[in-house]
PDB file of N, CA and C in Angstrom:
ATOM      1  N   MET A   1     -18.925 -36.617 -79.188  1.00  0.00           N
ATOM      2  CA  MET A   1     -18.394 -37.747 -80.223  1.00  0.00           C
ATOM      3  C   MET A   1     -17.276 -36.752 -80.946  1.00  0.00           C
ATOM      4  N   ARG A   2     -16.211 -37.652 -81.002  1.00  0.00           N
ATOM      5  CA  ARG A   2     -15.246 -36.938 -81.622  1.00  0.00           C
ATOM      6  C   ARG A   2     -15.010 -36.681 -83.320  1.00  0.00           C
ATOM      7  N   ALA A   3     -15.122 -35.412 -83.585  1.00  0.00           N
ATOM      8  CA  ALA A   3     -14.750 -34.854 -84.870  1.00  0.00           C
ATOM      9  C   ALA A   3     -13.917 -35.708 -85.694  1.00  0.00           C
ATOM     10  N   MET A   4     -14.406 -36.387 -87.144  1.00  0.00           N
ATOM     11  CA  MET A   4     -13.475 -37.200 -88.030  1.00  0.00           C
ATOM     12  C   MET A   4     -12.190 -36.041 -88.391  1.00  0.00           C
ATOM     13  N   ILE A   5     -10.819 -36.108 -88.521  1.00  0.00           N
ATOM     14  CA  ILE A   5      -9.962 -35.493 -88.521  1.00  0.00           C
ATOM     15  C   ILE A   5      -9.551 -36.170 -90.209  1.00  0.00           C
ATOM     16  N   ARG A   6      -8.993 -35.105 -90.826  1.00  0.00           N
ATOM     17  CA  ARG A   6      -8.605 -35.742 -92.534  1.00  0.00           C
ATOM     18  C   ARG A   6      -7.252 -36.312 -91.423  1.00  0.00           C
ATOM     19  N   PRO A   7      -5.875 -37.507 -92.824  1.00  0.00           N
ATOM     20  CA  PRO A   7      -5.004 -37.638 -92.436  1.00  0.00           C
ATOM     21  C   PRO A   7      -3.888 -36.722 -92.266  1.00  0.00           C
ATOM     22  N   ILE A   8      -2.792 -36.718 -91.786  1.00  0.00           N
ATOM     23  CA  ILE A   8      -1.729 -35.390 -91.627  1.00  0.00           C
ATOM     24  C   ILE A   8      -0.585 -36.045 -92.364  1.00  0.00           C
ATOM     25  N   GLU A   9      -0.413 -34.973 -93.784  1.00  0.00           N
ATOM     26  CA  GLU A   9       0.554 -34.537 -94.527  1.00  0.00           C
ATOM     27  C   GLU A   9       1.580 -35.194 -93.897  1.00  0.00           C
ATOM     28  N   GLU A  10       2.568 -35.889 -94.329  1.00  0.00           N
ATOM     29  CA  GLU A  10       3.765 -36.670 -93.975  1.00  0.00           C
ATOM     30  C   GLU A  10       4.733 -35.302 -93.554  1.00  0.00           C
ATOM     31  N   ASP A  11       4.557 -34.562 -94.938  1.00  0.00           N
ATOM     32  CA  ASP A  11       5.555 -32.850 -94.907  1.00  0.00           C
ATOM     33  C   ASP A  11       5.322 -32.289 -93.852  1.00  0.00           C
ATOM     34  N   ASP A  12       3.792 -31.850 -93.567  1.00  0.00           N
ATOM     35  CA  ASP A  12       2.817 -31.204 -92.458  1.00  0.00           C
ATOM     36  C   ASP A  12       4.015 -31.566 -90.890  1.00  0.00           C
ATOM     37  N   LEU A  13       3.179 -33.218 -90.914  1.00  0.00           N
ATOM     38  CA  LEU A  13       3.882 -33.461 -89.353  1.00  0.00           C
ATOM     39  C   LEU A  13       5.552 -33.763 -89.448  1.00  0.00           C
ATOM     40  N   GLN A  14       6.007 -33.746 -90.809  1.00  0.00           N
ATOM     41  CA  GLN A  14       7.454 -33.311 -89.408  1.00  0.00           C
ATOM     42  C   GLN A  14       8.035 -32.049 -89.711  1.00  0.00           C
ATOM     43  N   ALA A  15       7.315 -31.304 -90.883  1.00  0.00           N
ATOM     44  CA  ALA A  15       7.544 -29.409 -89.781  1.00  0.00           C
ATOM     45  C   ALA A  15       7.559 -29.358 -88.817  1.00  0.00           C
ATOM     46  N   TRP A  16       5.803 -30.134 -88.068  1.00  0.00           N
ATOM     47  CA  TRP A  16       5.930 -29.602 -86.883  1.00  0.00           C
ATOM     48  C   TRP A  16       6.287 -30.157 -85.860  1.00  0.00           C
ATOM     49  N   VAL A  17       6.987 -31.464 -85.889  1.00  0.00           N
ATOM     50  CA  VAL A  17       7.981 -32.060 -84.825  1.00  0.00           C
ATOM     51  C   VAL A  17       9.511 -31.627 -85.283  1.00  0.00           C
ATOM     52  N   ASP A  18       9.873 -30.977 -86.275  1.00  0.00           N
ATOM     53  CA  ASP A  18      10.845 -30.611 -86.125  1.00  0.00           C
ATOM     54  C   ASP A  18      11.194 -28.875 -85.855  1.00  0.00           C
ATOM     55  N   GLY A  19       9.830 -28.445 -85.323  1.00  0.00           N
ATOM     56  CA  GLY A  19      10.068 -27.332 -85.302  1.00  0.00           C
ATOM     57  C   GLY A  19       9.218 -26.558 -83.833  1.00  0.00           C
ATOM     58  N   ARG A  20       8.595 -27.748 -83.524  1.00  0.00           N
ATOM     59  CA  ARG A  20       8.586 -26.987 -82.439  1.00  0.00           C
ATOM     60  C   ARG A  20       8.696 -28.208 -81.315  1.00  0.00           C
ATOM     61  N   LEU A  21       9.333 -29.091 -81.098  1.00  0.00           N
ATOM     62  CA  LEU A  21       9.975 -30.487 -80.421  1.00  0.00           C
ATOM     63  C   LEU A  21      10.529 -30.176 -80.093  1.00  0.00           C
ATOM     64  N   ALA A  22      11.399 -30.030 -79.003  1.00  0.00           N
ATOM     65  CA  ALA A  22      12.946 -30.070 -78.126  1.00  0.00           C
ATOM     66  C   ALA A  22      13.256 -31.538 -78.425  1.00  0.00           C
ATOM     67  N   PRO A  23      14.539 -31.632 -78.900  1.00  0.00           N
ATOM     68  CA  PRO A  23      15.285 -33.619 -79.426  1.00  0.00           C
ATOM     69  C   PRO A  23      14.933 -34.024 -78.343  1.00  0.00           C
ATOM     70  N   GLU A  24      14.729 -33.456 -77.207  1.00  0.00           N
ATOM     71  CA  GLU A  24      14.201 -34.762 -75.500  1.00  0.00           C
ATOM     72  C   GLU A  24      12.945 -35.129 -76.655  1.00  0.00           C
ATOM     73  N   TYR A  25      11.919 -34.851 -76.650  1.00  0.00           N
ATOM     74  CA  TYR A  25      10.498 -34.760 -76.875  1.00  0.00           C
ATOM     75  C   TYR A  25      10.241 -35.173 -78.257  1.00  0.00           C
ATOM     76  N   ARG A  26      11.294 -34.797 -79.121  1.00  0.00           N
ATOM     77  CA  ARG A  26      11.189 -35.660 -80.443  1.00  0.00           C
ATOM     78  C   ARG A  26      11.761 -36.428 -80.335  1.00  0.00           C
ATOM     79  N   GLU A  27      12.632 -37.144 -79.835  1.00  0.00           N
ATOM     80  CA  GLU A  27      13.224 -38.589 -80.239  1.00  0.00           C
ATOM     81  C   GLU A  27      11.989 -39.814 -79.627  1.00  0.00           C
ATOM     82  N   VAL A  28      11.444 -38.983 -78.572  1.00  0.00           N
ATOM     83  CA  VAL A  28      10.150 -40.879 -77.942  1.00  0.00           C
ATOM     84  C   VAL A  28       9.167 -40.470 -78.903  1.00  0.00           C
ATOM     85  N   PHE A  29       8.702 -39.115 -79.556  1.00  0.00           N
ATOM     86  CA  PHE A  29       7.626 -38.557 -80.241  1.00  0.00           C
ATOM     87  C   PHE A  29       7.903 -40.129 -81.527  1.00  0.00           C
ATOM     88  N   LEU A  30       9.053 -39.747 -81.874  1.00  0.00           N
ATOM     89  CA  LEU A  30       9.173 -40.539 -83.093  1.00  0.00           C
ATOM     90  C   LEU A  30       9.622 -42.045 -83.136  1.00  0.00           C
ATOM     91  N   LEU A  31      10.276 -42.680 -81.724  1.00  0.00           N
ATOM     92  CA  LEU A  31      10.455 -43.663 -81.828  1.00  0.00           C
ATOM     93  C   LEU A  31       9.346 -44.546 -81.484  1.00  0.00           C
ATOM     94  N   ARG A  32       8.163 -43.927 -81.313  1.00  0.00           N
ATOM     95  CA  ARG A  32       6.987 -44.390 -80.518  1.00  0.00           C
ATOM     96  C   ARG A  32       6.016 -44.389 -81.624  1.00  0.00           C
ATOM     97  N   GLU A  33       5.921 -43.300 -82.312  1.00  0.00           N
ATOM     98  CA  GLU A  33       4.716 -43.345 -83.198  1.00  0.00           C
ATOM     99  C   GLU A  33       5.385 -43.482 -84.803  1.00  0.00           C
ATOM    100  N   ILE A  34       5.975 -43.437 -85.129  1.00  0.00           N
ATOM    101  CA  ILE A  34       7.100 -43.340 -86.034  1.00  0.00           C
ATOM    102  C   ILE A  34       7.471 -44.711 -86.299  1.00  0.00           C
ATOM    103  N   GLU A  35       8.354 -45.264 -85.680  1.00  0.00           N
ATOM    104  CA  GLU A  35       8.854 -46.736 -84.828  1.00  0.00           C
ATOM    105  C   GLU A  35       7.985 -47.362 -84.702  1.00  0.00           C
ATOM    106  N   GLY A  36       7.092 -46.986 -83.910  1.00  0.00           N
ATOM    107  CA  GLY A  36       6.301 -48.184 -82.616  1.00  0.00           C
ATOM    108  C   GLY A  36       6.959 -48.966 -81.982  1.00  0.00           C
ATOM    109  N   LEU A  37       7.744 -48.096 -81.634  1.00  0.00           N
ATOM    110  CA  LEU A  37       8.854 -49.258 -80.011  1.00  0.00           C
ATOM    111  C   LEU A  37       7.920 -49.008 -78.839  1.00  0.00           C
ATOM    112  N   ALA A  38       7.357 -50.217 -78.378  1.00  0.00           N
ATOM    113  CA  ALA A  38       6.702 -50.367 -76.652  1.00  0.00           C
ATOM    114  C   ALA A  38       7.559 -48.964 -76.358  1.00  0.00           C
ATOM    115  N   TYR A  39       6.920 -48.415 -74.732  1.00  0.00           N
ATOM    116  CA  TYR A  39       7.737 -47.707 -73.972  1.00  0.00           C
ATOM    117  C   TYR A  39       8.940 -48.393 -73.203  1.00  0.00           C
ATOM    118  N   LYS A  40       8.875 -49.673 -73.473  1.00  0.00           N
ATOM    119  CA  LYS A  40      10.701 -50.010 -72.643  1.00  0.00           C
ATOM    120  C   LYS A  40      11.446 -49.832 -73.338  1.00  0.00           C
ATOM    121  N   GLU A  41      10.930 -50.193 -74.962  1.00  0.00           N
ATOM    122  CA  GLU A  41      12.298 -50.166 -75.922  1.00  0.00           C
ATOM    123  C   GLU A  41      12.961 -48.657 -76.119  1.00  0.00           C
ATOM    124  N   ILE A  42      11.895 -47.577 -76.083  1.00  0.00           N
ATOM    125  CA  ILE A  42      12.291 -46.061 -75.907  1.00  0.00           C
ATOM    126  C   ILE A  42      13.367 -45.941 -74.877  1.00  0.00           C
ATOM    127  N   ALA A  43      12.601 -46.143 -73.638  1.00  0.00           N
ATOM    128  CA  ALA A  43      13.639 -46.206 -72.272  1.00  0.00           C
ATOM    129  C   ALA A  43      14.650 -46.644 -72.603  1.00  0.00           C
ATOM    130  N   GLU A  44      14.746 -47.755 -73.078  1.00  0.00           N
ATOM    131  CA  GLU A  44      16.382 -48.829 -72.992  1.00  0.00           C
ATOM    132  C   GLU A  44      17.255 -47.835 -73.955  1.00  0.00           C
ATOM    133  N   VAL A  45      16.453 -46.998 -75.255  1.00  0.00           N
ATOM    134  CA  VAL A  45      17.253 -46.370 -76.443  1.00  0.00           C
ATOM    135  C   VAL A  45      17.679 -45.036 -75.939  1.00  0.00           C
ATOM    136  N   ALA A  46      16.724 -44.250 -75.156  1.00  0.00           N
ATOM    137  CA  ALA A  46      17.180 -43.148 -75.059  1.00  0.00           C
ATOM    138  C   ALA A  46      17.671 -43.227 -73.376  1.00  0.00           C
ATOM    139  N   GLY A  47      17.873 -44.197 -72.601  1.00  0.00           N
ATOM    140  CA  GLY A  47      18.297 -44.107 -71.275  1.00  0.00           C
ATOM    141  C   GLY A  47      17.633 -43.509 -70.259  1.00  0.00           C
ATOM    142  N   VAL A  48      16.580 -43.882 -70.235  1.00  0.00           N
ATOM    143  CA  VAL A  48      15.543 -42.805 -69.566  1.00  0.00           C
ATOM    144  C   VAL A  48      14.891 -43.932 -68.771  1.00  0.00           C
ATOM    145  N   PRO A  49      14.315 -43.347 -67.554  1.00  0.00           N
ATOM    146  CA  PRO A  49      12.940 -44.380 -66.757  1.00  0.00           C
ATOM    147  C   PRO A  49      11.589 -44.446 -67.594  1.00  0.00           C
ATOM    148  N   ILE A  50      11.451 -45.192 -67.927  1.00  0.00           N
ATOM    149  CA  ILE A  50       9.817 -45.470 -68.939  1.00  0.00           C
ATOM    150  C   ILE A  50       9.275 -43.947 -68.232  1.00  0.00           C
ATOM    151  N   GLY A  51       8.729 -43.727 -66.488  1.00  0.00           N
ATOM    152  CA  GLY A  51       8.313 -42.795 -66.805  1.00  0.00           C
ATOM    153  C   GLY A  51       8.415 -41.452 -67.362  1.00  0.00           C
ATOM    154  N   THR A  52       9.246 -41.303 -67.277  1.00  0.00           N
ATOM    155  CA  THR A  52      10.516 -40.287 -68.076  1.00  0.00           C
ATOM    156  C   THR A  52       9.753 -40.191 -69.733  1.00  0.00           C
ATOM    157  N   VAL A  53       9.555 -40.859 -70.336  1.00  0.00           N
ATOM    158  CA  VAL A  53       9.277 -41.408 -71.958  1.00  0.00           C
ATOM    159  C   VAL A  53       7.644 -41.305 -71.473  1.00  0.00           C
ATOM    160  N   MET A  54       6.699 -41.518 -70.788  1.00  0.00           N
ATOM    161  CA  MET A  54       5.417 -41.240 -70.477  1.00  0.00           C
ATOM    162  C   MET A  54       5.626 -40.052 -70.589  1.00  0.00           C
ATOM    163  N   SER A  55       6.163 -39.730 -69.430  1.00  0.00           N
ATOM    164  CA  SER A  55       5.829 -37.767 -69.945  1.00  0.00           C
ATOM    165  C   SER A  55       6.194 -36.654 -71.182  1.00  0.00           C
ATOM    166  N   ARG A  56       7.759 -37.313 -71.069  1.00  0.00           N
ATOM    167  CA  ARG A  56       7.848 -36.459 -72.501  1.00  0.00           C
ATOM    168  C   ARG A  56       6.992 -37.028 -73.845  1.00  0.00           C
ATOM    169  N   LEU A  57       6.547 -38.625 -74.223  1.00  0.00           N
ATOM    170  CA  LEU A  57       5.734 -38.392 -75.233  1.00  0.00           C
ATOM    171  C   LEU A  57       4.047 -37.689 -74.970  1.00  0.00           C
ATOM    172  N   SER A  58       3.796 -37.579 -73.732  1.00  0.00           N
ATOM    173  CA  SER A  58       2.176 -36.793 -73.463  1.00  0.00           C
ATOM    174  C   SER A  58       2.855 -35.474 -73.431  1.00  0.00           C
ATOM    175  N   ARG A  59       4.071 -34.752 -73.462  1.00  0.00           N
ATOM    176  CA  ARG A  59       4.057 -33.514 -74.083  1.00  0.00           C
ATOM    177  C   ARG A  59       4.493 -33.157 -75.369  1.00  0.00           C
ATOM    178  N   ALA A  60       4.920 -33.914 -75.929  1.00  0.00           N
ATOM    179  CA  ALA A  60       5.121 -34.319 -76.900  1.00  0.00           C
ATOM    180  C   ALA A  60       3.901 -34.100 -77.932  1.00  0.00           C
ATOM    181  N   ARG A  61       2.894 -35.010 -77.418  1.00  0.00           N
ATOM    182  CA  ARG A  61       2.048 -34.821 -78.678  1.00  0.00           C
ATOM    183  C   ARG A  61       1.171 -33.609 -77.929  1.00  0.00           C
ATOM    184  N   ALA A  62       0.880 -33.156 -76.986  1.00  0.00           N
ATOM    185  CA  ALA A  62       0.201 -31.748 -76.556  1.00  0.00           C
ATOM    186  C   ALA A  62       0.774 -30.446 -77.875  1.00  0.00           C
ATOM    187  N   GLN A  63       1.772 -30.716 -77.562  1.00  0.00           N
ATOM    188  CA  GLN A  63       2.873 -29.189 -78.028  1.00  0.00           C
ATOM    189  C   GLN A  63       2.316 -29.601 -79.345  1.00  0.00           C
ATOM    190  N   LEU A  64       2.273 -31.164 -80.056  1.00  0.00           N
ATOM    191  CA  LEU A  64       1.480 -30.798 -81.158  1.00  0.00           C
ATOM    192  C   LEU A  64       0.326 -30.901 -82.138  1.00  0.00           C
ATOM    193  N   ARG A  65      -0.079 -31.075 -81.019  1.00  0.00           N
ATOM    194  CA  ARG A  65      -2.205 -31.041 -80.580  1.00  0.00           C
ATOM    195  C   ARG A  65      -2.311 -29.452 -81.531  1.00  0.00           C
ATOM    196  N   VAL A  66      -1.551 -28.439 -81.122  1.00  0.00           N
ATOM    197  CA  VAL A  66      -1.956 -27.532 -81.307  1.00  0.00           C
ATOM    198  C   VAL A  66      -2.139 -26.672 -83.164  1.00  0.00           C
ATOM    199  N   PRO A  67      -0.595 -26.998 -83.573  1.00  0.00           N
ATOM    200  CA  PRO A  67      -0.693 -26.820 -85.041  1.00  0.00           C
ATOM    201  C   PRO A  67      -1.465 -27.994 -85.954  1.00  0.00           C
ATOM    202  N   ILE A  68      -1.987 -29.214 -84.976  1.00  0.00           N
ATOM    203  CA  ILE A  68      -3.365 -30.143 -85.931  1.00  0.00           C
ATOM    204  C   ILE A  68      -4.280 -29.495 -85.995  1.00  0.00           C
ATOM    205  N   VAL A  69      -4.943 -28.906 -84.629  1.00  0.00           N
ATOM    206  CA  VAL A  69      -5.807 -28.664 -84.391  1.00  0.00           C
ATOM    207  C   VAL A  69      -6.741 -26.925 -85.220  1.00  0.00           C
ATOM    208  N   ALA A  70      -5.125 -26.308 -85.508  1.00  0.00           N
ATOM    209  CA  ALA A  70      -5.244 -25.365 -86.381  1.00  0.00           C
ATOM    210  C   ALA A  70      -5.117 -25.985 -87.924  1.00  0.00           C
ATOM    211  N   SER A  71      -4.858 -26.487 -87.775  1.00  0.00           N
ATOM    212  CA  SER A  71      -5.010 -27.047 -89.406  1.00  0.00           C
ATOM    213  C   SER A  71      -6.426 -27.012 -89.857  1.00  0.00           C
ATOM    214  N   GLU A  72      -6.553 -27.870 -89.021  1.00  0.00           N
ATOM    215  CA  GLU A  72      -7.915 -28.640 -89.525  1.00  0.00           C
ATOM    216  C   GLU A  72      -8.964 -27.507 -89.139  1.00  0.00           C
ATOM    217  N   GLN A  73      -9.311 -26.891 -88.300  1.00  0.00           N
ATOM    218  CA  GLN A  73     -10.159 -25.440 -88.783  1.00  0.00           C
ATOM    219  C   GLN A  73      -9.882 -24.867 -89.628  1.00  0.00           C
ATOM    220  N   LYS A  74      -8.586 -24.655 -90.165  1.00  0.00           N
ATOM    221  CA  LYS A  74      -8.256 -23.747 -91.725  1.00  0.00           C
ATOM    222  C   LYS A  74      -8.884 -24.411 -92.669  1.00  0.00           C
ATOM    223  N   GLU A  75      -9.252 -26.181 -93.155  1.00  0.00           N
ATOM    224  CA  GLU A  75      -9.058 -26.447 -93.686  1.00  0.00           C
ATOM    225  C   GLU A  75     -11.425 -26.684 -94.169  1.00  0.00           C
ATOM    226  N   THR A  76     -11.908 -26.323 -92.250  1.00  0.00           N
ATOM    227  CA  THR A  76     -13.365 -26.458 -92.490  1.00  0.00           C
ATOM    228  C   THR A  76     -13.527 -25.157 -92.727  1.00  0.00           C
ATOM    229  N   ALA A  77     -12.997 -24.269 -92.822  1.00  0.00           N
ATOM    230  CA  ALA A  77     -13.004 -22.690 -92.589  1.00  0.00           C
ATOM    231  C   ALA A  77     -13.314 -22.161 -94.301  1.00  0.00           C
TER     232      ALA A  77
END
């Protein structure tokens, strides 16, 4: 069973996105997670294949997982 995590503060998320993600990862992450665009729409906006969108989104999420988990561990300690 997954542990419940607290909602992420918008300022924290913005700092992590700005500080950790390369521009091409940041673009697809924001278009998907903040704007809610579909993969096909993101591919059109970014001018890349859908597979590239999926790859970049996966890498962006993986890079953001580190500070999110660290933040959670700090909160529960």
